Amino acid sequence: MSSFKVDEPWQAFLTQSDGVAVSFWIISIAMIAATVFFFAEASTVKDHWRTSLHVGGLVTLVAGVHYMYMREYWVQLHKSPVVYRYIDWSITVPMQMIEFNLILKAAKAPISSGGFWRLLVGTIMMLTFGYIGETTPGFGWPGFILGLCGWAFILFEIFAGESSKASGNCSEAVKKSFSNMRLIVSLGWSIYPLGYFLGFLTGVASAVFLNVVYNIADLVNKICFVLACWSCAKEDSEKSGLLA
């Protein structure tokens, strides 16, 4: 990370030459706009989709608030807002697991309440060890490996465990949403451990590059994730005759 000191008043404000700060600004506003959109659209879809869109709206709302703080942290210090990111993830990622569980229920998957708790345990492991690894001297590699174990536990549960079972009795839209969620959790989330490895462990990636990549990843894994759910919700509702 580069050291940065605010010597002039203008350095505490957003400048066009600071691409990272601009990306923080764009995504913070995009998260808020997405929140308004998802809550407004929740009243236009079938019942079992409404809670999913409400949860998705909460995910983008929480992220939007944190991105405002992360933006100011970067503008004033030019350092990675590690603590803010992990606080954001500790709230939004479990909510995404809730949304995943809601889709499984909509898909009439034969799962017990244990399926949700296993996803939650994997999430807690992944985030807790990741945070300890990035903030505790000498614990970088153990935190990385244990965090990967938490993510692997989640992947096993959604691809081979109880949470992988979606009934054939549900609509194609529900199946598509279920598939989109698994794609995000597997490919979309892979950016975060890659960033941990290239940025924190090896120092190959600079703080500038790393924060832009993380910001884009959050855009996909939060906003685009819920947009995919919204698209399926609209399709399912139209086929059921709910929408005019």
Protein backbone atom coordinates (compact mmCIF):
# COMPACT_ATOMS: atom_id res chain seq x y z
CA MET A 1 0.00 0.00 0.00
CA SER A 2 1.21 3.49 -0.74
CA SER A 3 1.52 6.09 2.00
CA PHE A 4 -0.54 9.18 1.37
CA LYS A 5 -0.85 12.46 3.19
CA VAL A 6 -3.41 15.15 2.55
CA ASP A 7 -1.26 18.28 2.17
CA GLU A 8 -3.75 20.38 0.22
CA PRO A 9 -7.52 20.74 0.81
CA TRP A 10 -8.34 19.60 -2.74
CA GLN A 11 -6.68 16.25 -2.06
CA ALA A 12 -9.56 15.32 0.26
CA PHE A 13 -12.02 15.44 -2.67
CA LEU A 14 -12.67 13.26 -5.69
CA THR A 15 -10.45 14.03 -8.72
CA GLN A 16 -10.81 12.81 -12.28
CA SER A 17 -7.31 11.32 -12.21
CA ASP A 18 -8.13 8.94 -9.36
CA GLY A 19 -9.76 6.00 -11.15
CA VAL A 20 -10.14 3.94 -7.98
CA ALA A 21 -12.05 6.70 -6.20
CA VAL A 22 -14.25 7.18 -9.27
CA SER A 23 -15.05 3.44 -9.27
CA PHE A 24 -15.97 3.64 -5.57
CA TRP A 25 -18.24 6.61 -6.32
CA ILE A 26 -19.98 4.95 -9.28
CA ILE A 27 -20.64 1.71 -7.43
CA SER A 28 -21.86 3.43 -4.23
CA ILE A 29 -24.50 5.32 -6.25
CA ALA A 30 -25.29 2.24 -8.35
CA MET A 31 -25.95 0.23 -5.17
CA ILE A 32 -28.40 2.85 -3.89
CA ALA A 33 -30.17 3.07 -7.26
CA ALA A 34 -30.41 -0.72 -7.42
CA THR A 35 -31.93 -0.78 -3.93
CA VAL A 36 -34.73 1.59 -4.93
CA PHE A 37 -35.36 -0.42 -8.10
CA PHE A 38 -35.53 -3.82 -6.37
CA PHE A 39 -37.88 -2.64 -3.64
CA ALA A 40 -40.15 -0.97 -6.21
CA GLU A 41 -40.20 -4.07 -8.40
CA ALA A 42 -40.92 -6.46 -5.52
CA SER A 43 -44.63 -5.56 -5.66
CA THR A 44 -44.88 -6.60 -9.32
CA VAL A 45 -43.84 -10.26 -8.98
CA LYS A 46 -45.25 -13.46 -7.50
CA ASP A 47 -45.26 -13.94 -3.74
CA HIS A 48 -42.30 -16.32 -3.49
CA TRP A 49 -40.11 -13.85 -5.40
CA ARG A 50 -40.96 -10.79 -3.30
CA THR A 51 -38.92 -11.78 -0.28
CA SER A 52 -35.99 -12.61 -2.57
CA LEU A 53 -36.08 -9.12 -4.09
CA HIS A 54 -36.46 -7.55 -0.65
CA VAL A 55 -33.40 -9.43 0.60
CA GLY A 56 -31.53 -8.48 -2.59
CA GLY A 57 -32.48 -4.84 -2.01
CA LEU A 58 -31.08 -5.03 1.53
CA VAL A 59 -27.84 -6.48 0.16
CA THR A 60 -27.36 -3.52 -2.20
CA LEU A 61 -28.46 -1.02 0.47
CA VAL A 62 -25.91 -2.25 3.00
CA ALA A 63 -23.22 -2.34 0.31
CA GLY A 64 -24.12 1.18 -0.84
CA VAL A 65 -23.68 2.60 2.66
CA HIS A 66 -20.34 0.86 3.12
CA TYR A 67 -19.12 1.95 -0.30
CA MET A 68 -19.65 5.58 0.68
CA TYR A 69 -17.30 5.11 3.64
CA MET A 70 -14.83 3.09 1.56
CA ARG A 71 -14.82 5.83 -1.06
CA GLU A 72 -13.93 8.52 1.50
CA TYR A 73 -11.33 6.27 3.11
CA TRP A 74 -9.57 5.80 -0.23
CA VAL A 75 -9.83 9.47 -1.26
CA GLN A 76 -8.25 10.67 1.98
CA LEU A 77 -5.69 7.90 2.68
CA HIS A 78 -5.19 6.03 -0.62
CA LYS A 79 -5.17 2.74 1.28
CA SER A 80 -7.34 -0.34 0.90
CA PRO A 81 -10.41 -0.14 3.18
CA VAL A 82 -9.94 -3.69 4.48
CA VAL A 83 -12.04 -3.30 7.64
CA TYR A 84 -14.94 -1.67 5.79
CA ARG A 85 -14.92 -4.41 3.15
CA TYR A 86 -15.07 -7.20 5.68
CA ILE A 87 -17.83 -5.49 7.67
CA ASP A 88 -19.79 -5.19 4.41
CA TRP A 89 -19.17 -8.81 3.44
CA SER A 90 -20.02 -10.06 6.95
CA ILE A 91 -23.54 -8.64 6.49
CA THR A 92 -24.22 -9.01 2.77
CA VAL A 93 -22.80 -12.50 2.16
CA PRO A 94 -24.99 -14.21 4.81
CA MET A 95 -27.98 -12.36 3.33
CA GLN A 96 -27.07 -13.80 -0.06
CA MET A 97 -27.08 -17.24 1.55
CA ILE A 98 -30.58 -16.45 2.83
CA GLU A 99 -31.59 -15.56 -0.72
CA PHE A 100 -30.08 -18.79 -1.98
CA ASN A 101 -32.15 -20.70 0.57
CA LEU A 102 -35.31 -18.84 -0.51
CA ILE A 103 -34.75 -19.89 -4.12
CA LEU A 104 -34.21 -23.48 -3.02
CA LYS A 105 -37.56 -23.39 -1.25
CA ALA A 106 -39.19 -21.89 -4.35
CA ALA A 107 -37.61 -24.70 -6.35
CA LYS A 108 -39.25 -27.19 -3.98
CA ALA A 109 -35.87 -28.65 -3.13
CA PRO A 110 -36.07 -31.46 -0.53
CA ILE A 111 -33.85 -29.71 2.01
CA SER A 112 -33.97 -29.32 5.76
CA SER A 113 -33.15 -26.26 7.83
CA GLY A 114 -29.68 -27.74 8.22
CA GLY A 115 -28.90 -26.82 4.63
CA PHE A 116 -29.12 -23.11 5.40
CA TRP A 117 -27.06 -23.44 8.58
CA ARG A 118 -24.32 -25.31 6.74
CA LEU A 119 -24.15 -22.51 4.16
CA LEU A 120 -23.99 -19.99 6.99
CA VAL A 121 -21.22 -21.87 8.79
CA GLY A 122 -19.19 -21.99 5.57
CA THR A 123 -19.73 -18.25 5.10
CA ILE A 124 -18.61 -17.44 8.65
CA MET A 125 -15.50 -19.59 8.24
CA MET A 126 -14.60 -17.97 4.93
CA LEU A 127 -14.98 -14.39 6.16
CA THR A 128 -13.59 -14.84 9.68
CA PHE A 129 -10.37 -16.51 8.62
CA GLY A 130 -9.98 -14.15 5.67
CA TYR A 131 -10.24 -11.12 7.95
CA ILE A 132 -7.89 -12.57 10.59
CA GLY A 133 -5.43 -13.48 7.85
CA GLU A 134 -5.36 -9.94 6.42
CA THR A 135 -5.15 -8.16 9.77
CA THR A 136 -3.02 -10.47 11.96
CA PRO A 137 0.75 -10.56 11.38
CA GLY A 138 2.01 -14.06 10.60
CA PHE A 139 -1.46 -15.48 9.94
CA GLY A 140 -1.68 -14.61 6.23
CA TRP A 141 -1.26 -18.09 4.78
CA PRO A 142 -3.21 -20.00 7.47
CA GLY A 143 -6.06 -17.48 7.13
CA PHE A 144 -6.00 -17.89 3.34
CA ILE A 145 -6.10 -21.70 3.50
CA LEU A 146 -8.79 -21.87 6.20
CA GLY A 147 -10.86 -19.25 4.37
CA LEU A 148 -10.64 -21.36 1.21
CA CYS A 149 -11.87 -24.33 3.23
CA GLY A 150 -14.98 -22.33 4.17
CA TRP A 151 -15.62 -21.45 0.51
CA ALA A 152 -15.02 -25.09 -0.53
CA PHE A 153 -17.56 -26.17 2.09
CA ILE A 154 -20.14 -23.80 0.53
CA LEU A 155 -19.37 -25.04 -2.99
CA PHE A 156 -19.73 -28.66 -1.90
CA GLU A 157 -23.08 -27.91 -0.28
CA ILE A 158 -24.56 -26.18 -3.36
CA PHE A 159 -23.14 -28.55 -5.99
CA ALA A 160 -23.08 -31.95 -4.25
CA GLY A 161 -24.76 -31.56 -0.86
CA GLU A 162 -28.36 -31.19 0.24
CA SER A 163 -28.61 -27.65 -1.18
CA SER A 164 -27.78 -28.92 -4.68
CA LYS A 165 -31.19 -30.57 -5.10
CA ALA A 166 -33.77 -28.60 -7.04
CA SER A 167 -37.05 -30.31 -7.85
CA GLY A 168 -38.23 -30.77 -11.41
CA ASN A 169 -41.68 -29.54 -10.34
CA CYS A 170 -40.66 -25.87 -10.25
CA SER A 171 -40.80 -23.39 -13.13
CA GLU A 172 -37.97 -22.84 -15.59
CA ALA A 173 -37.49 -19.33 -14.19
CA VAL A 174 -36.81 -20.72 -10.71
CA LYS A 175 -34.36 -23.26 -12.12
CA LYS A 176 -32.60 -20.47 -14.03
CA SER A 177 -32.33 -18.33 -10.89
CA PHE A 178 -30.93 -21.30 -8.96
CA SER A 179 -28.34 -21.85 -11.71
CA ASN A 180 -27.39 -18.15 -11.77
CA MET A 181 -26.82 -18.15 -8.02
CA ARG A 182 -24.53 -21.17 -8.19
CA LEU A 183 -22.58 -19.50 -11.00
CA ILE A 184 -22.08 -16.34 -8.93
CA VAL A 185 -21.03 -18.23 -5.80
CA SER A 186 -18.49 -20.31 -7.74
CA LEU A 187 -17.02 -18.09 -10.50
CA GLY A 188 -17.95 -14.64 -9.13
CA TRP A 189 -16.61 -15.29 -5.65
CA SER A 190 -13.33 -16.71 -6.98
CA ILE A 191 -12.13 -13.12 -7.52
CA TYR A 192 -11.85 -12.51 -3.77
CA PRO A 193 -9.37 -15.29 -2.84
CA LEU A 194 -7.45 -14.47 -6.02
CA GLY A 195 -7.20 -10.85 -4.87
CA TYR A 196 -6.11 -12.00 -1.39
CA PHE A 197 -3.36 -14.11 -2.94
CA LEU A 198 -2.11 -11.60 -5.52
CA GLY A 199 -2.49 -8.52 -3.34
CA PHE A 200 -1.99 -9.37 0.33
CA LEU A 201 0.10 -12.57 0.21
CA THR A 202 2.40 -12.04 -2.77
CA GLY A 203 2.17 -8.29 -3.45
CA VAL A 204 1.96 -8.90 -7.21
CA ALA A 205 -1.16 -6.71 -7.51
CA SER A 206 -1.07 -3.08 -6.40
CA ALA A 207 -3.68 -1.53 -4.11
CA VAL A 208 -4.99 0.43 -7.10
CA PHE A 209 -5.52 -2.65 -9.26
CA LEU A 210 -6.86 -4.72 -6.37
CA ASN A 211 -9.52 -2.21 -5.31
CA VAL A 212 -10.78 -1.69 -8.86
CA VAL A 213 -11.09 -5.47 -9.30
CA TYR A 214 -12.86 -5.86 -5.94
CA ASN A 215 -15.26 -3.04 -6.84
CA ILE A 216 -16.14 -4.65 -10.16
CA ALA A 217 -16.55 -8.02 -8.41
CA ASP A 218 -18.99 -6.50 -5.92
CA LEU A 219 -20.92 -4.93 -8.80
CA VAL A 220 -21.35 -8.35 -10.42
CA ASN A 221 -21.80 -10.41 -7.27
CA LYS A 222 -24.36 -8.07 -5.73
CA ILE A 223 -26.19 -5.93 -8.29
CA CYS A 224 -26.00 -8.28 -11.28
CA PHE A 225 -26.82 -11.24 -9.04
CA VAL A 226 -30.07 -9.66 -7.88
CA LEU A 227 -30.81 -8.40 -11.41
CA ALA A 228 -30.64 -11.99 -12.63
CA CYS A 229 -33.07 -12.96 -9.86
CA TRP A 230 -35.36 -10.04 -10.83
CA SER A 231 -35.31 -11.07 -14.51
CA CYS A 232 -36.35 -14.62 -13.61
CA ALA A 233 -39.02 -13.28 -11.25
CA LYS A 234 -40.56 -11.18 -14.01
CA GLU A 235 -40.50 -14.08 -16.45
CA ASP A 236 -42.09 -16.45 -13.94
CA SER A 237 -44.76 -13.89 -13.00
CA GLU A 238 -45.64 -13.13 -16.62
CA LYS A 239 -46.10 -16.82 -17.42
CA SER A 240 -48.34 -17.18 -14.37
CA GLY A 241 -50.53 -14.30 -15.58
CA LEU A 242 -49.70 -11.97 -12.69
CA LEU A 243 -48.44 -9.20 -14.95
CA ALA A 244 -50.56 -7.52 -17.58
